[in-house]
């Protein structure tokens, strides 16, 4: 790729990241508004999965995204079904976290994703992390601890849901990358397949958990307002996922991790500005400490990859 091509690619990545940050911030703020008027996180989750199913096929077809990969039946059940299960649980936990606690705190807790990734990689694949990476992970944990101890609207369920979302997201990243490497499936088609499978698997569970409750629900502002908010939230969640996968397809996983850390900072800033959630100085310091830990983690990982292997 020539210099001109490299510049165009860099501009494309920058534009995608800017759009990703804006859409993610809008999606989280709108999600908080939806759950304030309509406290049914399972239904919000199902609306997001339905948006993936309804919007992906025509959008990807119009964009010329190559057709889906035919997975062997055994591989489908052994790998894709657990991934769809993890996707559904991640989305539910994310909705519960932003319902129960401020968005800024929920995303600070989700900054523990690198910690979960390192722990799962060690447990599942036997990977060891350099000392600099381990120190950065401790910094992230310390920042989340300070933010939790000083959070004005602390809620145990919200904290647990945010931690579960971070752990499940790490598990998804590890196995989704393996699926793309092993099968050659297009990343957006994988998103579509997982969303469709998660919707089909958990439609009965949603009907059992929220079906009867929705019949007697009387949301503030009426069903027309709630329906519009759910549709907007689903569309934004789908677009956010598409932009995230598009960024991942153009950069290295490490660069994606840096971009994702910057995205969380943008979401925290947008939520504090638009929703005006109160935050103490120590709470903000904890958020900054966690964000600094994520940046230190990314830098340590980069140095570890650049370090030449020692001769045997």
Protein backbone atom coordinates (compact mmCIF):
# COMPACT_ATOMS: atom_id res chain seq x y z
CA UNK A 1 0.00 0.00 0.00
CA UNK A 2 1.41 3.40 -1.01
CA UNK A 3 1.61 6.51 1.14
CA UNK A 4 -1.63 7.86 -0.32
CA UNK A 5 -3.38 4.55 0.33
CA UNK A 6 -2.09 4.46 3.91
CA UNK A 7 -3.41 7.96 4.53
CA UNK A 8 -6.81 7.04 3.12
CA UNK A 9 -6.90 3.94 5.32
CA UNK A 10 -5.93 5.97 8.40
CA UNK A 11 -8.65 8.53 7.63
CA UNK A 12 -11.18 5.72 7.15
CA UNK A 13 -10.27 4.19 10.53
CA UNK A 14 -10.46 7.62 12.21
CA UNK A 15 -13.89 8.26 10.69
CA UNK A 16 -15.13 4.82 11.75
CA UNK A 17 -13.86 5.37 15.30
CA UNK A 18 -15.52 8.81 15.52
CA UNK A 19 -18.81 7.31 14.33
CA UNK A 20 -18.40 4.36 16.71
CA UNK A 21 -17.84 6.64 19.72
CA UNK A 22 -20.80 8.87 18.83
CA UNK A 23 -23.18 5.97 18.19
CA UNK A 24 -22.06 4.10 21.33
CA UNK A 25 -22.57 7.19 23.48
CA UNK A 26 -26.01 7.80 21.99
CA UNK A 27 -26.93 4.11 22.38
CA UNK A 28 -26.00 4.05 26.07
CA UNK A 29 -27.79 7.31 26.86
CA UNK A 30 -30.91 6.19 24.98
CA UNK A 31 -30.74 2.79 26.69
CA UNK A 32 -30.71 4.51 30.10
CA UNK A 33 -33.77 6.54 29.11
CA UNK A 34 -35.58 3.42 27.90
CA UNK A 35 -34.92 1.49 31.11
CA UNK A 36 -35.93 4.47 33.27
CA UNK A 37 -39.41 4.50 31.69
CA UNK A 38 -39.55 0.78 30.92
CA UNK A 39 -37.67 -1.38 33.49
CA UNK A 40 -37.63 -4.59 31.45
CA UNK A 41 -33.96 -5.30 30.54
CA UNK A 42 -34.85 -8.69 29.04
CA UNK A 43 -37.26 -7.04 26.58
CA UNK A 44 -34.68 -4.36 25.70
CA UNK A 45 -32.19 -7.16 25.01
CA UNK A 46 -34.60 -8.99 22.75
CA UNK A 47 -35.34 -5.75 20.87
CA UNK A 48 -31.62 -5.35 20.19
CA UNK A 49 -31.29 -8.95 18.96
CA UNK A 50 -34.35 -8.49 16.75
CA UNK A 51 -32.76 -5.38 15.25
CA UNK A 52 -29.65 -7.43 14.35
CA UNK A 53 -31.84 -10.00 12.57
CA UNK A 54 -34.04 -7.49 10.72
CA UNK A 55 -31.40 -4.94 9.74
CA UNK A 56 -28.39 -7.15 8.96
CA UNK A 57 -29.70 -9.10 5.95
CA UNK A 58 -30.77 -6.13 3.75
CA UNK A 59 -27.89 -3.90 4.88
CA UNK A 60 -25.16 -6.48 4.30
CA UNK A 61 -26.72 -7.56 1.01
CA UNK A 62 -26.79 -3.96 -0.24
CA UNK A 63 -23.18 -3.46 0.88
CA UNK A 64 -22.01 -6.59 -0.97
CA UNK A 65 -20.88 -8.44 2.17
CA UNK A 66 -20.14 -12.00 1.11
CA UNK A 67 -22.64 -14.72 1.92
CA UNK A 68 -22.69 -16.66 5.15
CA UNK A 69 -20.40 -19.61 5.74
CA UNK A 70 -21.96 -23.07 5.99
CA UNK A 71 -20.78 -24.41 9.34
CA UNK A 72 -20.59 -28.17 10.01
CA UNK A 73 -23.39 -29.29 12.31
CA UNK A 74 -21.02 -30.44 15.08
CA UNK A 75 -19.08 -27.15 14.94
CA UNK A 76 -22.35 -25.21 14.97
CA UNK A 77 -23.53 -26.80 18.20
CA UNK A 78 -20.11 -26.98 19.85
CA UNK A 79 -19.05 -23.39 19.13
CA UNK A 80 -21.75 -21.10 17.74
CA UNK A 81 -24.50 -22.04 20.20
CA UNK A 82 -22.30 -21.28 23.26
CA UNK A 83 -21.18 -18.04 21.59
CA UNK A 84 -24.82 -17.04 20.99
CA UNK A 85 -25.58 -17.89 24.62
CA UNK A 86 -22.68 -15.66 25.74
CA UNK A 87 -23.84 -12.84 23.44
CA UNK A 88 -27.33 -12.92 24.89
CA UNK A 89 -26.09 -12.95 28.49
CA UNK A 90 -23.62 -10.14 27.74
CA UNK A 91 -26.40 -7.96 26.35
CA UNK A 92 -28.71 -8.71 29.27
CA UNK A 93 -26.00 -7.98 31.83
CA UNK A 94 -25.09 -4.73 30.06
CA UNK A 95 -28.73 -3.60 30.14
CA UNK A 96 -29.10 -4.50 33.81
CA UNK A 97 -25.91 -2.61 34.67
CA UNK A 98 -26.97 0.66 32.99
CA UNK A 99 -30.44 0.25 34.49
CA UNK A 100 -29.20 -0.12 38.07
CA UNK A 101 -26.16 2.21 38.10
CA UNK A 102 -25.04 5.35 36.20
CA UNK A 103 -23.56 4.70 32.76
CA UNK A 104 -20.24 6.26 33.82
CA UNK A 105 -19.83 3.74 36.63
CA UNK A 106 -21.03 0.79 34.53
CA UNK A 107 -18.41 1.53 31.86
CA UNK A 108 -15.71 2.03 34.47
CA UNK A 109 -16.43 -1.49 35.76
CA UNK A 110 -16.45 -2.81 32.18
CA UNK A 111 -12.90 -1.47 31.87
CA UNK A 112 -11.93 -4.69 33.70
CA UNK A 113 -12.31 -6.51 30.35
CA UNK A 114 -8.49 -6.83 29.91
CA UNK A 115 -8.26 -8.38 33.38
CA UNK A 116 -10.88 -10.98 32.48
CA UNK A 117 -9.24 -11.58 29.10
CA UNK A 118 -5.87 -12.28 30.74
CA UNK A 119 -7.44 -14.56 33.35
CA UNK A 120 -9.45 -16.53 30.78
CA UNK A 121 -6.47 -16.82 28.42
CA UNK A 122 -4.42 -18.26 31.28
CA UNK A 123 -7.19 -20.64 32.33
CA UNK A 124 -8.22 -21.81 28.86
CA UNK A 125 -4.99 -21.61 26.85
CA UNK A 126 -2.22 -21.49 29.47
CA UNK A 127 -1.04 -18.01 28.39
CA UNK A 128 1.20 -16.12 30.84
CA UNK A 129 1.38 -12.33 30.98
CA UNK A 130 4.57 -10.25 31.45
CA UNK A 131 5.03 -8.41 34.74
CA UNK A 132 4.26 -5.03 33.15
CA UNK A 133 0.91 -6.37 31.96
CA UNK A 134 0.17 -7.80 35.40
CA UNK A 135 0.96 -4.43 37.00
CA UNK A 136 -1.40 -2.67 34.57
CA UNK A 137 -4.15 -5.16 35.42
CA UNK A 138 -3.68 -4.39 39.13
CA UNK A 139 -3.97 -0.67 38.30
CA UNK A 140 -7.28 -1.32 36.53
CA UNK A 141 -8.57 -3.30 39.51
CA UNK A 142 -7.49 -0.52 41.91
CA UNK A 143 -9.25 2.13 39.82
CA UNK A 144 -12.49 0.14 39.71
CA UNK A 145 -12.20 -0.45 43.46
CA UNK A 146 -11.85 3.28 44.19
CA UNK A 147 -14.74 4.11 41.86
CA UNK A 148 -16.92 1.45 43.52
CA UNK A 149 -16.10 2.60 47.06
CA UNK A 150 -17.01 6.21 46.23
CA UNK A 151 -19.96 5.61 43.89
CA UNK A 152 -22.94 7.67 45.09
CA UNK A 153 -25.50 5.32 43.52
CA UNK A 154 -23.80 2.00 44.28
CA UNK A 155 -25.93 -1.07 43.63
CA UNK A 156 -24.67 -4.63 44.12
CA UNK A 157 -26.78 -6.00 41.26
CA UNK A 158 -25.51 -3.27 38.92
CA UNK A 159 -21.89 -3.98 39.90
CA UNK A 160 -22.33 -7.73 39.45
CA UNK A 161 -24.02 -7.28 36.07
CA UNK A 162 -21.24 -4.97 34.81
CA UNK A 163 -18.54 -7.41 35.95
CA UNK A 164 -20.40 -10.31 34.30
CA UNK A 165 -20.75 -8.32 31.07
CA UNK A 166 -16.98 -7.63 31.05
CA UNK A 167 -16.13 -11.30 31.66
CA UNK A 168 -18.58 -12.55 29.01
CA UNK A 169 -17.35 -9.96 26.51
CA UNK A 170 -13.79 -11.20 27.02
CA UNK A 171 -14.93 -14.79 26.43
CA UNK A 172 -16.73 -13.71 23.25
CA UNK A 173 -13.64 -11.95 21.90
CA UNK A 174 -11.42 -14.97 22.50
CA UNK A 175 -13.72 -17.45 20.79
CA UNK A 176 -15.06 -15.16 18.04
CA UNK A 177 -11.49 -14.58 16.85
CA UNK A 178 -10.96 -18.34 16.78
CA UNK A 179 -14.14 -18.84 14.74
CA UNK A 180 -13.09 -16.20 12.19
CA UNK A 181 -9.60 -17.70 11.97
CA UNK A 182 -10.76 -21.31 11.70
CA UNK A 183 -13.67 -20.83 9.27
CA UNK A 184 -12.91 -17.64 7.35
CA UNK A 185 -16.43 -16.34 8.04
CA UNK A 186 -16.97 -12.63 7.40
CA UNK A 187 -17.03 -10.80 10.72
CA UNK A 188 -20.35 -9.09 9.99
CA UNK A 189 -21.96 -12.37 8.92
CA UNK A 190 -20.78 -13.87 12.21
CA UNK A 191 -22.49 -11.01 14.04
CA UNK A 192 -25.67 -11.71 12.09
CA UNK A 193 -25.55 -15.46 12.73
CA UNK A 194 -24.98 -15.05 16.46
CA UNK A 195 -27.77 -12.48 16.78
CA UNK A 196 -30.24 -14.70 14.93
CA UNK A 197 -29.33 -17.78 16.93
CA UNK A 198 -29.49 -15.91 20.26
CA UNK A 199 -32.93 -14.55 19.35
CA UNK A 200 -34.30 -17.99 18.48
CA UNK A 201 -32.80 -19.66 21.56
CA UNK A 202 -34.09 -17.14 24.06
CA UNK A 203 -37.45 -16.10 22.60
CA UNK A 204 -39.24 -18.67 24.84
CA UNK A 205 -37.29 -17.46 27.89
CA UNK A 206 -38.26 -13.86 27.16
CA UNK A 207 -41.92 -14.82 26.73
CA UNK A 208 -41.84 -16.65 30.07
CA UNK A 209 -40.01 -13.90 31.98
CA UNK A 210 -41.61 -10.73 30.56
CA UNK A 211 -44.69 -11.90 28.63
CA UNK A 212 -47.23 -11.78 31.45
CA UNK A 213 -45.66 -8.68 33.03
CA UNK A 214 -45.87 -6.73 29.77
CA UNK A 215 -49.61 -7.41 29.48
CA UNK A 216 -50.24 -5.44 32.65
CA UNK A 217 -47.49 -2.84 32.19
CA UNK A 218 -48.33 0.84 31.86
CA UNK A 219 -45.06 2.56 30.91
CA UNK A 220 -44.61 6.28 31.51
CA UNK A 221 -45.41 8.19 28.34
CA UNK A 222 -47.43 5.35 26.83
CA UNK A 223 -46.63 2.45 24.54
CA UNK A 224 -46.06 4.65 21.49
CA UNK A 225 -43.14 6.41 23.21
CA UNK A 226 -41.70 3.15 24.54
CA UNK A 227 -42.01 1.48 21.13
CA UNK A 228 -40.16 4.36 19.47
CA UNK A 229 -37.44 4.27 22.13
CA UNK A 230 -37.03 0.48 21.77
CA UNK A 231 -36.80 0.77 17.98
CA UNK A 232 -34.22 3.54 18.22
CA UNK A 233 -32.22 1.69 20.86
CA UNK A 234 -32.21 -1.51 18.77
CA UNK A 235 -31.08 0.33 15.63
CA UNK A 236 -28.28 2.13 17.50
CA UNK A 237 -27.13 -1.10 19.18
CA UNK A 238 -26.96 -2.81 15.77
CA UNK A 239 -25.07 0.09 14.19
CA UNK A 240 -22.66 0.18 17.13
CA UNK A 241 -21.89 -3.53 16.67
CA UNK A 242 -21.37 -3.06 12.92
CA UNK A 243 -18.98 -0.14 13.48
CA UNK A 244 -17.06 -2.06 16.17
CA UNK A 245 -16.58 -5.06 13.88
CA UNK A 246 -15.62 -2.75 10.99
CA UNK A 247 -12.89 -1.13 13.09
CA UNK A 248 -11.67 -4.55 14.25
CA UNK A 249 -11.44 -5.77 10.65
CA UNK A 250 -9.13 -2.86 9.69
CA UNK A 251 -6.72 -2.74 12.63
CA UNK A 252 -4.79 -5.12 14.84
CA UNK A 253 -6.42 -6.49 17.99
CA UNK A 254 -4.12 -4.32 20.09
CA UNK A 255 -5.06 -1.16 18.21
CA UNK A 256 -8.69 -2.17 18.60
CA UNK A 257 -8.19 -2.49 22.36
CA UNK A 258 -6.78 1.06 22.47
CA UNK A 259 -9.72 2.34 20.40
CA UNK A 260 -12.16 0.51 22.67
CA UNK A 261 -10.60 2.08 25.77
CA UNK A 262 -10.97 5.52 24.20
CA UNK A 263 -14.60 4.67 23.37
CA UNK A 264 -15.36 3.90 27.01
CA UNK A 265 -13.88 7.26 28.00
CA UNK A 266 -16.11 8.97 25.41
CA UNK A 267 -19.21 7.15 26.72
CA UNK A 268 -18.38 8.09 30.33
CA UNK A 269 -17.88 11.73 29.34
CA UNK A 270 -21.09 11.85 27.29
CA UNK A 271 -23.14 10.28 30.09
CA UNK A 272 -21.80 12.71 32.70
CA UNK A 273 -22.51 15.65 30.38
CA UNK A 274 -25.95 14.63 29.06
CA UNK A 275 -27.45 12.81 32.06
CA UNK A 276 -25.71 14.98 34.67
CA UNK A 277 -25.08 12.10 37.07
CA UNK A 278 -23.41 13.38 40.27
CA UNK A 279 -19.86 12.14 40.79
CA UNK A 280 -17.49 12.87 43.67
CA UNK A 281 -13.86 13.85 43.00
CA UNK A 282 -12.67 10.45 44.29
CA UNK A 283 -15.18 8.71 42.04
CA UNK A 284 -13.82 10.56 39.01
CA UNK A 285 -10.27 9.78 40.18
CA UNK A 286 -11.13 6.07 40.31
CA UNK A 287 -12.51 6.23 36.77
CA UNK A 288 -9.35 7.98 35.58
CA UNK A 289 -7.16 5.42 37.36
CA UNK A 290 -9.01 2.54 35.66
CA UNK A 291 -8.72 4.25 32.26
CA UNK A 292 -5.00 4.82 32.86
CA UNK A 293 -4.63 1.15 33.72
CA UNK A 294 -6.26 0.15 30.43
CA UNK A 295 -3.86 2.41 28.50
CA UNK A 296 -0.89 1.01 30.45
CA UNK A 297 -2.12 -2.51 29.68
CA UNK A 298 -2.27 -1.77 25.95
CA UNK A 299 1.21 -0.23 26.01
CA UNK A 300 2.64 -3.19 27.92
CA UNK A 301 1.08 -5.64 25.48
CA UNK A 302 2.55 -3.70 22.55
CA UNK A 303 6.04 -3.78 24.07
CA UNK A 304 5.72 -7.50 24.80
CA UNK A 305 4.86 -8.20 21.16
CA UNK A 306 7.67 -6.00 19.85
CA UNK A 307 10.29 -7.67 22.10
CA UNK A 308 12.31 -10.16 20.06
CA UNK A 309 12.13 -13.78 21.10
CA UNK A 310 15.10 -15.03 23.09
CA UNK A 311 17.29 -17.64 21.38
CA UNK A 312 16.85 -21.21 22.61
